Amino acid sequence: MSATPVTTRPRARRGKGAGLGLAAWALGIVFFLPIAWMALTSFHAESDAATNPPSFAAALTLDGYRTFFGAGGGPSPWPSLINSAMASVMSTLLVLLLALPAAYALSIRPVKKWTDVLFFFLSTKMLPVVAGLLPIYLFAKNTGMLDNIWLLVILYTSMNLPIAVWMMQSFLAEVPVAVIEAAQIDGARLPTVLARVVAPIALPGIAATALICFIFSWNELLFARVLTGVVAETAPVFLTSFITSQGLFLAKVCAASLVVSLPVLAAGFAAQDKLVQGLSLGAVK
């Protein structure tokens, strides 16, 4: 009786999976190291943070965070953080309100040559931001909207809307048309269909779109730097104030960068499951 040959395919697959897992961990550590270095530097004194090579065993202190939050008579960061939160949240909500019906028209009820429409939306992102800076500045100056937070809300909405429509079109394309038709047979109008049928089904994709739009708005610096002053100053603009002609205060900049990054990191961590579902929605049928 001949012996049954033992296949090595499962072992090969397990070895390949372990190798990919180790590579993913190594890549994650590489991306995490700069953040860890920034966090450690933020707890050092300026003299220790400026050493080359860096002193990892230096004494820890909260002086950088005290300076960021206005200890010792410095400016308070709270107005800038509130402005960033207001501009990011308001623009994200407006983007979702405008992108949902547009994506519905391009996916579930497609118009003629809808691919050309999507390409036109995406082509608006190909214009360099600097090329539109001067006209927007002149418009804001002539209309009295310089240093106005609502100008940033309008700009961030227009900047993020093409990406949001492009993303949500692919998400809404996965919504079963039969469910929408059943709701319409029951007498539901378009606003009801969008709010009670389409939105719950495409919630992961909507959450992913909202998170990306929020991150883009929160991190935007160029328009905020040129178009705002004191009243509408955002957190990234406030962060640049720590780089002065006297030099670069590394510990203070790291502390400020970590605090400014926390809302984005918190939003990403809270919505990570929706983000993964949304970004993978439609990839596998």
C-alpha atoms as a PDB file:
ATOM      1  CA  MET A   1       0.000   0.000   0.000  1.00  0.00           C
ATOM      2  CA  SER A   2       1.594   3.253  -1.131  1.00  0.00           C
ATOM      3  CA  ALA A   3       1.971   6.161   1.251  1.00  0.00           C
ATOM      4  CA  THR A   4      -0.166   9.223   0.602  1.00  0.00           C
ATOM      5  CA  PRO A   5       2.018  12.183  -0.450  1.00  0.00           C
ATOM      6  CA  VAL A   6       1.905  15.109   1.903  1.00  0.00           C
ATOM      7  CA  THR A   7       1.239  18.409   0.189  1.00  0.00           C
ATOM      8  CA  THR A   8       3.254  21.443   1.214  1.00  0.00           C
ATOM      9  CA  ARG A   9       0.824  24.061  -0.077  1.00  0.00           C
ATOM     10  CA  PRO A  10      -0.767  24.919   3.308  1.00  0.00           C
ATOM     11  CA  ARG A  11       2.687  25.365   4.846  1.00  0.00           C
ATOM     12  CA  ALA A  12       3.767  27.566   1.950  1.00  0.00           C
ATOM     13  CA  ARG A  13       0.642  29.659   2.322  1.00  0.00           C
ATOM     14  CA  ARG A  14       1.152  30.002   6.072  1.00  0.00           C
ATOM     15  CA  GLY A  15       4.783  31.000   5.515  1.00  0.00           C
ATOM     16  CA  LYS A  16       3.773  33.559   2.920  1.00  0.00           C
ATOM     17  CA  GLY A  17       1.086  34.957   5.220  1.00  0.00           C
ATOM     18  CA  ALA A  18       3.562  35.231   8.120  1.00  0.00           C
ATOM     19  CA  GLY A  19       6.051  37.017   5.855  1.00  0.00           C
ATOM     20  CA  LEU A  20       3.423  39.503   4.717  1.00  0.00           C
ATOM     21  CA  GLY A  21       2.383  40.050   8.320  1.00  0.00           C
ATOM     22  CA  LEU A  22       5.954  40.788   9.402  1.00  0.00           C
ATOM     23  CA  ALA A  23       6.394  43.141   6.447  1.00  0.00           C
ATOM     24  CA  ALA A  24       3.188  44.970   7.385  1.00  0.00           C
ATOM     25  CA  TRP A  25       4.349  45.323  11.004  1.00  0.00           C
ATOM     26  CA  ALA A  26       7.758  46.593   9.882  1.00  0.00           C
ATOM     27  CA  LEU A  27       6.152  49.133   7.534  1.00  0.00           C
ATOM     28  CA  GLY A  28       3.790  50.271  10.281  1.00  0.00           C
ATOM     29  CA  ILE A  29       6.678  50.762  12.699  1.00  0.00           C
ATOM     30  CA  VAL A  30       8.582  52.778  10.089  1.00  0.00           C
ATOM     31  CA  PHE A  31       5.601  55.097   9.621  1.00  0.00           C
ATOM     32  CA  PHE A  32       5.033  55.327  13.389  1.00  0.00           C
ATOM     33  CA  LEU A  33       8.634  56.171  14.327  1.00  0.00           C
ATOM     34  CA  PRO A  34       8.489  59.875  13.318  1.00  0.00           C
ATOM     35  CA  ILE A  35       5.317  60.341  15.380  1.00  0.00           C
ATOM     36  CA  ALA A  36       6.893  58.600  18.366  1.00  0.00           C
ATOM     37  CA  TRP A  37      10.018  60.723  17.988  1.00  0.00           C
ATOM     38  CA  MET A  38       7.915  63.895  17.827  1.00  0.00           C
ATOM     39  CA  ALA A  39       5.964  62.867  20.937  1.00  0.00           C
ATOM     40  CA  LEU A  40       9.166  62.105  22.871  1.00  0.00           C
ATOM     41  CA  THR A  41      10.814  65.370  21.781  1.00  0.00           C
ATOM     42  CA  SER A  42       7.773  67.350  22.907  1.00  0.00           C
ATOM     43  CA  PHE A  43       8.469  66.252  26.499  1.00  0.00           C
ATOM     44  CA  HIS A  44      12.100  67.406  26.425  1.00  0.00           C
ATOM     45  CA  ALA A  45      13.603  70.763  27.262  1.00  0.00           C
ATOM     46  CA  GLU A  46      14.796  72.883  24.349  1.00  0.00           C
ATOM     47  CA  SER A  47      18.441  72.252  25.193  1.00  0.00           C
ATOM     48  CA  ASP A  48      17.912  68.475  25.137  1.00  0.00           C
ATOM     49  CA  ALA A  49      15.728  68.561  22.018  1.00  0.00           C
ATOM     50  CA  ALA A  50      18.406  70.464  20.069  1.00  0.00           C
ATOM     51  CA  THR A  51      21.216  67.960  20.737  1.00  0.00           C
ATOM     52  CA  ASN A  52      22.633  66.008  17.807  1.00  0.00           C
ATOM     53  CA  PRO A  53      22.303  63.066  18.030  1.00  0.00           C
ATOM     54  CA  PRO A  54      19.098  63.373  20.093  1.00  0.00           C
ATOM     55  CA  SER A  55      19.201  62.526  23.761  1.00  0.00           C
ATOM     56  CA  PHE A  56      16.500  59.907  24.311  1.00  0.00           C
ATOM     57  CA  ALA A  57      17.285  59.533  28.025  1.00  0.00           C
ATOM     58  CA  ALA A  58      16.948  63.259  28.807  1.00  0.00           C
ATOM     59  CA  ALA A  59      14.699  64.452  31.598  1.00  0.00           C
ATOM     60  CA  LEU A  60      11.031  64.881  30.711  1.00  0.00           C
ATOM     61  CA  THR A  61       9.182  68.160  31.132  1.00  0.00           C
ATOM     62  CA  LEU A  62       5.868  69.768  30.188  1.00  0.00           C
ATOM     63  CA  ASP A  63       7.352  73.160  29.337  1.00  0.00           C
ATOM     64  CA  GLY A  64       6.557  72.781  25.628  1.00  0.00           C
ATOM     65  CA  TYR A  65       2.874  72.160  26.347  1.00  0.00           C
ATOM     66  CA  ARG A  66       2.715  74.985  28.874  1.00  0.00           C
ATOM     67  CA  THR A  67       4.108  77.348  26.255  1.00  0.00           C
ATOM     68  CA  PHE A  68       1.634  76.122  23.657  1.00  0.00           C
ATOM     69  CA  PHE A  69      -1.333  76.705  25.950  1.00  0.00           C
ATOM     70  CA  GLY A  70      -0.240  80.261  26.729  1.00  0.00           C
ATOM     71  CA  ALA A  71       1.636  79.868  30.025  1.00  0.00           C
ATOM     72  CA  GLY A  72       3.904  82.790  30.739  1.00  0.00           C
ATOM     73  CA  GLY A  73       1.815  85.349  28.877  1.00  0.00           C
ATOM     74  CA  GLY A  74       1.882  83.742  25.431  1.00  0.00           C
ATOM     75  CA  PRO A  75      -1.095  83.709  23.035  1.00  0.00           C
ATOM     76  CA  SER A  76      -3.857  81.186  23.697  1.00  0.00           C
ATOM     77  CA  PRO A  77      -4.368  78.458  21.080  1.00  0.00           C
ATOM     78  CA  TRP A  78      -8.074  77.968  21.823  1.00  0.00           C
ATOM     79  CA  PRO A  79      -9.430  80.552  19.331  1.00  0.00           C
ATOM     80  CA  SER A  80      -7.367  78.981  16.560  1.00  0.00           C
ATOM     81  CA  LEU A  81      -8.440  75.450  17.500  1.00  0.00           C
ATOM     82  CA  ILE A  82     -12.090  76.528  17.595  1.00  0.00           C
ATOM     83  CA  ASN A  83     -11.746  78.194  14.185  1.00  0.00           C
ATOM     84  CA  SER A  84     -10.226  75.035  12.705  1.00  0.00           C
ATOM     85  CA  ALA A  85     -12.957  72.876  14.209  1.00  0.00           C
ATOM     86  CA  MET A  86     -15.693  75.191  12.961  1.00  0.00           C
ATOM     87  CA  ALA A  87     -14.281  75.445   9.422  1.00  0.00           C
ATOM     88  CA  SER A  88     -13.623  71.697   9.178  1.00  0.00           C
ATOM     89  CA  VAL A  89     -16.946  70.495  10.604  1.00  0.00           C
ATOM     90  CA  MET A  90     -19.116  73.020   8.764  1.00  0.00           C
ATOM     91  CA  SER A  91     -17.413  72.442   5.420  1.00  0.00           C
ATOM     92  CA  THR A  92     -17.608  68.657   5.849  1.00  0.00           C
ATOM     93  CA  LEU A  93     -21.344  68.821   6.561  1.00  0.00           C
ATOM     94  CA  LEU A  94     -21.913  71.037   3.518  1.00  0.00           C
ATOM     95  CA  VAL A  95     -19.853  68.674   1.362  1.00  0.00           C
ATOM     96  CA  LEU A  96     -21.938  65.687   2.443  1.00  0.00           C
ATOM     97  CA  LEU A  97     -25.213  67.526   1.839  1.00  0.00           C
ATOM     98  CA  LEU A  98     -24.121  68.480  -1.688  1.00  0.00           C
ATOM     99  CA  ALA A  99     -22.215  65.319  -2.617  1.00  0.00           C
ATOM    100  CA  LEU A 100     -24.922  62.806  -1.647  1.00  0.00           C
ATOM    101  CA  PRO A 101     -27.551  63.899  -4.212  1.00  0.00           C
ATOM    102  CA  ALA A 102     -24.841  64.479  -6.846  1.00  0.00           C
ATOM    103  CA  ALA A 103     -23.445  60.972  -6.325  1.00  0.00           C
ATOM    104  CA  TYR A 104     -27.001  59.593  -6.379  1.00  0.00           C
ATOM    105  CA  ALA A 105     -27.581  61.189  -9.776  1.00  0.00           C
ATOM    106  CA  LEU A 106     -24.306  59.788 -11.129  1.00  0.00           C
ATOM    107  CA  SER A 107     -24.667  56.234  -9.806  1.00  0.00           C
ATOM    108  CA  ILE A 108     -28.198  55.088  -9.029  1.00  0.00           C
ATOM    109  CA  ARG A 109     -29.890  57.398 -11.531  1.00  0.00           C
ATOM    110  CA  PRO A 110     -26.993  58.007 -13.921  1.00  0.00           C
ATOM    111  CA  VAL A 111     -27.111  60.924 -16.334  1.00  0.00           C
ATOM    112  CA  LYS A 112     -25.791  60.743 -19.879  1.00  0.00           C
ATOM    113  CA  LYS A 113     -21.999  60.609 -20.123  1.00  0.00           C
ATOM    114  CA  TRP A 114     -21.661  60.372 -16.336  1.00  0.00           C
ATOM    115  CA  THR A 115     -18.009  59.363 -16.674  1.00  0.00           C
ATOM    116  CA  ASP A 116     -17.300  62.712 -18.342  1.00  0.00           C
ATOM    117  CA  VAL A 117     -18.985  64.447 -15.421  1.00  0.00           C
ATOM    118  CA  LEU A 118     -16.810  62.585 -12.934  1.00  0.00           C
ATOM    119  CA  PHE A 119     -13.692  63.437 -14.905  1.00  0.00           C
ATOM    120  CA  PHE A 120     -14.692  67.100 -14.915  1.00  0.00           C
ATOM    121  CA  PHE A 121     -15.112  67.014 -11.130  1.00  0.00           C
ATOM    122  CA  LEU A 122     -11.708  65.424 -10.697  1.00  0.00           C
ATOM    123  CA  SER A 123     -10.043  67.772 -13.200  1.00  0.00           C
ATOM    124  CA  THR A 124     -10.844  70.728 -10.940  1.00  0.00           C
ATOM    125  CA  LYS A 125      -8.300  69.298  -8.475  1.00  0.00           C
ATOM    126  CA  MET A 126      -5.553  69.455 -11.106  1.00  0.00           C
ATOM    127  CA  LEU A 127      -5.293  73.250 -10.906  1.00  0.00           C
ATOM    128  CA  PRO A 128      -2.405  74.266  -8.631  1.00  0.00           C
ATOM    129  CA  VAL A 129      -3.706  75.918  -5.487  1.00  0.00           C
ATOM    130  CA  VAL A 130      -1.263  78.805  -5.871  1.00  0.00           C
ATOM    131  CA  ALA A 131      -2.742  79.632  -9.287  1.00  0.00           C
ATOM    132  CA  GLY A 132      -6.107  80.456  -7.709  1.00  0.00           C
ATOM    133  CA  LEU A 133      -4.738  82.203  -4.644  1.00  0.00           C
ATOM    134  CA  LEU A 134      -4.493  85.736  -6.049  1.00  0.00           C
ATOM    135  CA  PRO A 135      -8.010  85.866  -7.578  1.00  0.00           C
ATOM    136  CA  ILE A 136      -9.515  84.510  -4.388  1.00  0.00           C
ATOM    137  CA  TYR A 137      -7.556  87.019  -2.315  1.00  0.00           C
ATOM    138  CA  LEU A 138      -8.736  89.920  -4.485  1.00  0.00           C
ATOM    139  CA  PHE A 139     -12.321  88.666  -4.310  1.00  0.00           C
ATOM    140  CA  ALA A 140     -12.146  88.370  -0.512  1.00  0.00           C
ATOM    141  CA  LYS A 141     -10.606  91.833  -0.231  1.00  0.00           C
ATOM    142  CA  ASN A 142     -13.226  93.509  -2.424  1.00  0.00           C
ATOM    143  CA  THR A 143     -16.116  91.800  -0.648  1.00  0.00           C
ATOM    144  CA  GLY A 144     -14.784  92.457   2.855  1.00  0.00           C
ATOM    145  CA  MET A 145     -14.386  88.745   3.681  1.00  0.00           C
ATOM    146  CA  LEU A 146     -10.715  88.754   4.601  1.00  0.00           C
ATOM    147  CA  ASP A 147     -10.085  87.238   8.026  1.00  0.00           C
ATOM    148  CA  ASN A 148     -13.544  85.663   7.958  1.00  0.00           C
ATOM    149  CA  ILE A 149     -14.081  82.056   9.002  1.00  0.00           C
ATOM    150  CA  TRP A 150     -17.047  81.680   6.629  1.00  0.00           C
ATOM    151  CA  LEU A 151     -14.775  82.327   3.674  1.00  0.00           C
ATOM    152  CA  LEU A 152     -12.706  79.300   4.718  1.00  0.00           C
ATOM    153  CA  VAL A 153     -15.882  77.232   5.064  1.00  0.00           C
ATOM    154  CA  ILE A 154     -16.861  78.090   1.481  1.00  0.00           C
ATOM    155  CA  LEU A 155     -13.352  77.427   0.164  1.00  0.00           C
ATOM    156  CA  TYR A 156     -12.956  74.107   1.968  1.00  0.00           C
ATOM    157  CA  THR A 157     -16.384  73.006   0.729  1.00  0.00           C
ATOM    158  CA  SER A 158     -15.527  73.788  -2.884  1.00  0.00           C
ATOM    159  CA  MET A 159     -12.090  72.148  -2.569  1.00  0.00           C
ATOM    160  CA  ASN A 160     -13.375  68.884  -1.066  1.00  0.00           C
ATOM    161  CA  LEU A 161     -16.614  68.548  -3.048  1.00  0.00           C
ATOM    162  CA  PRO A 162     -15.058  66.961  -6.205  1.00  0.00           C
ATOM    163  CA  ILE A 163     -13.264  64.288  -4.178  1.00  0.00           C
ATOM    164  CA  ALA A 164     -16.402  63.613  -2.148  1.00  0.00           C
ATOM    165  CA  VAL A 165     -18.586  63.191  -5.252  1.00  0.00           C
ATOM    166  CA  TRP A 166     -15.991  60.887  -6.821  1.00  0.00           C
ATOM    167  CA  MET A 167     -15.761  58.708  -3.713  1.00  0.00           C
ATOM    168  CA  MET A 168     -19.467  58.563  -2.918  1.00  0.00           C
ATOM    169  CA  GLN A 169     -20.385  57.713  -6.504  1.00  0.00           C
ATOM    170  CA  SER A 170     -18.572  54.388  -6.173  1.00  0.00           C
ATOM    171  CA  PHE A 171     -20.124  53.775  -2.749  1.00  0.00           C
ATOM    172  CA  LEU A 172     -23.687  54.516  -3.864  1.00  0.00           C
ATOM    173  CA  ALA A 173     -23.264  52.326  -6.934  1.00  0.00           C
ATOM    174  CA  GLU A 174     -23.351  49.345  -4.546  1.00  0.00           C
ATOM    175  CA  VAL A 175     -26.786  50.272  -3.150  1.00  0.00           C
ATOM    176  CA  PRO A 176     -29.427  47.791  -4.445  1.00  0.00           C
ATOM    177  CA  VAL A 177     -31.759  49.549  -6.854  1.00  0.00           C
ATOM    178  CA  ALA A 178     -34.608  47.236  -5.819  1.00  0.00           C
ATOM    179  CA  VAL A 179     -34.620  48.702  -2.312  1.00  0.00           C
ATOM    180  CA  ILE A 180     -34.905  52.236  -3.701  1.00  0.00           C
ATOM    181  CA  GLU A 181     -37.673  51.237  -6.092  1.00  0.00           C
ATOM    182  CA  ALA A 182     -39.583  49.595  -3.246  1.00  0.00           C
ATOM    183  CA  ALA A 183     -39.377  52.797  -1.202  1.00  0.00           C
ATOM    184  CA  GLN A 184     -40.577  54.842  -4.186  1.00  0.00           C
ATOM    185  CA  ILE A 185     -43.516  52.487  -4.709  1.00  0.00           C
ATOM    186  CA  ASP A 186     -44.459  53.102  -1.062  1.00  0.00           C
ATOM    187  CA  GLY A 187     -44.590  56.822  -1.842  1.00  0.00           C
ATOM    188  CA  ALA A 188     -41.209  57.977  -0.553  1.00  0.00           C
ATOM    189  CA  ARG A 189     -39.877  61.127  -2.203  1.00  0.00           C
ATOM    190  CA  LEU A 190     -36.258  61.761  -3.112  1.00  0.00           C
ATOM    191  CA  PRO A 191     -35.247  63.445   0.209  1.00  0.00           C
ATOM    192  CA  THR A 192     -36.773  60.545   2.131  1.00  0.00           C
ATOM    193  CA  VAL A 193     -35.056  57.990  -0.101  1.00  0.00           C
ATOM    194  CA  LEU A 194     -31.697  59.676   0.378  1.00  0.00           C
ATOM    195  CA  ALA A 195     -32.051  60.092   4.155  1.00  0.00           C
ATOM    196  CA  ARG A 196     -33.734  56.819   5.134  1.00  0.00           C
ATOM    197  CA  VAL A 197     -32.731  54.333   2.447  1.00  0.00           C
ATOM    198  CA  VAL A 198     -29.517  55.341   0.673  1.00  0.00           C
ATOM    199  CA  ALA A 199     -27.651  56.960   3.570  1.00  0.00           C
ATOM    200  CA  PRO A 200     -27.974  54.022   6.044  1.00  0.00           C
ATOM    201  CA  ILE A 201     -26.838  51.490   3.431  1.00  0.00           C
ATOM    202  CA  ALA A 202     -23.890  53.619   2.299  1.00  0.00           C
ATOM    203  CA  LEU A 203     -22.991  54.765   5.814  1.00  0.00           C
ATOM    204  CA  PRO A 204     -19.438  53.308   5.806  1.00  0.00           C
ATOM    205  CA  GLY A 205     -18.661  55.094   2.556  1.00  0.00           C
ATOM    206  CA  ILE A 206     -20.192  58.337   3.807  1.00  0.00           C
ATOM    207  CA  ALA A 207     -18.150  58.082   7.013  1.00  0.00           C
ATOM    208  CA  ALA A 208     -14.946  57.504   5.052  1.00  0.00           C
ATOM    209  CA  THR A 209     -15.696  60.482   2.817  1.00  0.00           C
ATOM    210  CA  ALA A 210     -16.491  62.699   5.793  1.00  0.00           C
ATOM    211  CA  LEU A 211     -13.276  61.731   7.574  1.00  0.00           C
ATOM    212  CA  ILE A 212     -11.105  62.452   4.539  1.00  0.00           C
ATOM    213  CA  CYS A 213     -12.804  65.815   3.963  1.00  0.00           C
ATOM    214  CA  PHE A 214     -12.348  66.688   7.646  1.00  0.00           C
ATOM    215  CA  ILE A 215      -8.643  65.823   7.507  1.00  0.00           C
ATOM    216  CA  PHE A 216      -8.098  67.866   4.343  1.00  0.00           C
ATOM    217  CA  SER A 217      -9.876  70.868   5.867  1.00  0.00           C
ATOM    218  CA  TRP A 218      -8.118  70.621   9.223  1.00  0.00           C
ATOM    219  CA  ASN A 219      -4.655  70.384   7.649  1.00  0.00           C
ATOM    220  CA  GLU A 220      -5.095  73.151   5.055  1.00  0.00           C
ATOM    221  CA  LEU A 221      -2.535  75.924   5.537  1.00  0.00           C
ATOM    222  CA  LEU A 222      -1.993  78.029   2.407  1.00  0.00           C
ATOM    223  CA  PHE A 223      -5.417  79.686   2.124  1.00  0.00           C
ATOM    224  CA  ALA A 224      -5.702  80.038   5.885  1.00  0.00           C
ATOM    225  CA  ARG A 225      -2.275  81.660   6.042  1.00  0.00           C
ATOM    226  CA  VAL A 226      -3.004  84.217   3.291  1.00  0.00           C
ATOM    227  CA  LEU A 227      -6.689  84.954   3.869  1.00  0.00           C
ATOM    228  CA  THR A 228      -6.839  85.098   7.674  1.00  0.00           C
ATOM    229  CA  GLY A 229      -5.222  87.289  10.283  1.00  0.00           C
ATOM    230  CA  VAL A 230      -6.275  87.342  13.924  1.00  0.00           C
ATOM    231  CA  VAL A 231     -10.018  86.667  14.022  1.00  0.00           C
ATOM    232  CA  ALA A 232     -10.152  83.608  11.728  1.00  0.00           C
ATOM    233  CA  GLU A 233      -6.668  82.205  12.361  1.00  0.00           C
ATOM    234  CA  THR A 234      -6.668  78.397  12.251  1.00  0.00           C
ATOM    235  CA  ALA A 235      -4.587  75.886  14.180  1.00  0.00           C
ATOM    236  CA  PRO A 236      -2.009  75.213  11.397  1.00  0.00           C
ATOM    237  CA  VAL A 237      -1.423  78.971  11.078  1.00  0.00           C
ATOM    238  CA  PHE A 238      -1.022  79.255  14.848  1.00  0.00           C
ATOM    239  CA  LEU A 239       1.458  76.393  14.690  1.00  0.00           C
ATOM    240  CA  THR A 240       3.711  78.325  12.293  1.00  0.00           C
ATOM    241  CA  SER A 241       4.024  81.130  14.852  1.00  0.00           C
ATOM    242  CA  PHE A 242       6.456  78.939  16.824  1.00  0.00           C
ATOM    243  CA  ILE A 243       8.971  79.227  13.966  1.00  0.00           C
ATOM    244  CA  THR A 244      10.435  82.697  14.518  1.00  0.00           C
ATOM    245  CA  SER A 245      13.444  84.690  13.402  1.00  0.00           C
ATOM    246  CA  GLN A 246      15.079  83.790  16.707  1.00  0.00           C
ATOM    247  CA  GLY A 247      15.301  80.164  15.639  1.00  0.00           C
ATOM    248  CA  LEU A 248      13.384  76.910  15.641  1.00  0.00           C
ATOM    249  CA  PHE A 249      12.192  75.877  19.105  1.00  0.00           C
ATOM    250  CA  LEU A 250      11.992  72.165  18.416  1.00  0.00           C
ATOM    251  CA  ALA A 251      10.366  71.003  21.664  1.00  0.00           C
ATOM    252  CA  LYS A 252       7.653  73.671  21.465  1.00  0.00           C
ATOM    253  CA  VAL A 253       6.953  72.910  17.801  1.00  0.00           C
ATOM    254  CA  CYS A 254       6.693  69.176  18.533  1.00  0.00           C
ATOM    255  CA  ALA A 255       4.312  69.812  21.433  1.00  0.00           C
ATOM    256  CA  ALA A 256       2.163  72.116  19.311  1.00  0.00           C
ATOM    257  CA  SER A 257       2.195  69.676  16.380  1.00  0.00           C
ATOM    258  CA  LEU A 258       1.097  66.807  18.601  1.00  0.00           C
ATOM    259  CA  VAL A 259      -1.796  68.797  20.087  1.00  0.00           C
ATOM    260  CA  VAL A 260      -2.930  70.036  16.668  1.00  0.00           C
ATOM    261  CA  SER A 261      -2.778  66.476  15.306  1.00  0.00           C
ATOM    262  CA  LEU A 262      -4.838  64.959  18.115  1.00  0.00           C
ATOM    263  CA  PRO A 263      -8.320  65.816  16.692  1.00  0.00           C
ATOM    264  CA  VAL A 264      -7.459  64.171  13.382  1.00  0.00           C
ATOM    265  CA  LEU A 265      -5.931  61.135  15.093  1.00  0.00           C
ATOM    266  CA  ALA A 266      -8.937  60.839  17.415  1.00  0.00           C
ATOM    267  CA  ALA A 267     -11.398  61.105  14.515  1.00  0.00           C
ATOM    268  CA  GLY A 268      -9.475  58.501  12.535  1.00  0.00           C
ATOM    269  CA  PHE A 269      -9.295  56.113  15.492  1.00  0.00           C
ATOM    270  CA  ALA A 270     -13.000  56.511  16.285  1.00  0.00           C
ATOM    271  CA  ALA A 271     -14.035  55.917  12.669  1.00  0.00           C
ATOM    272  CA  GLN A 272     -11.406  53.373  11.694  1.00  0.00           C
ATOM    273  CA  ASP A 273     -13.894  50.528  11.222  1.00  0.00           C
ATOM    274  CA  LYS A 274     -16.144  52.684   9.040  1.00  0.00           C
ATOM    275  CA  LEU A 275     -13.094  53.984   7.187  1.00  0.00           C
ATOM    276  CA  VAL A 276     -11.875  50.474   6.326  1.00  0.00           C
ATOM    277  CA  GLN A 277     -15.371  49.371   5.286  1.00  0.00           C
ATOM    278  CA  GLY A 278     -15.893  52.500   3.225  1.00  0.00           C
ATOM    279  CA  LEU A 279     -12.576  52.400   1.414  1.00  0.00           C
ATOM    280  CA  SER A 280     -13.042  48.696   0.618  1.00  0.00           C
ATOM    281  CA  LEU A 281     -16.711  49.044  -0.350  1.00  0.00           C
ATOM    282  CA  GLY A 282     -17.154  47.945  -3.937  1.00  0.00           C
ATOM    283  CA  ALA A 283     -13.690  46.429  -4.192  1.00  0.00           C
ATOM    284  CA  VAL A 284     -15.057  42.899  -3.894  1.00  0.00           C
ATOM    285  CA  LYS A 285     -18.474  41.926  -5.139  1.00  0.00           C
END
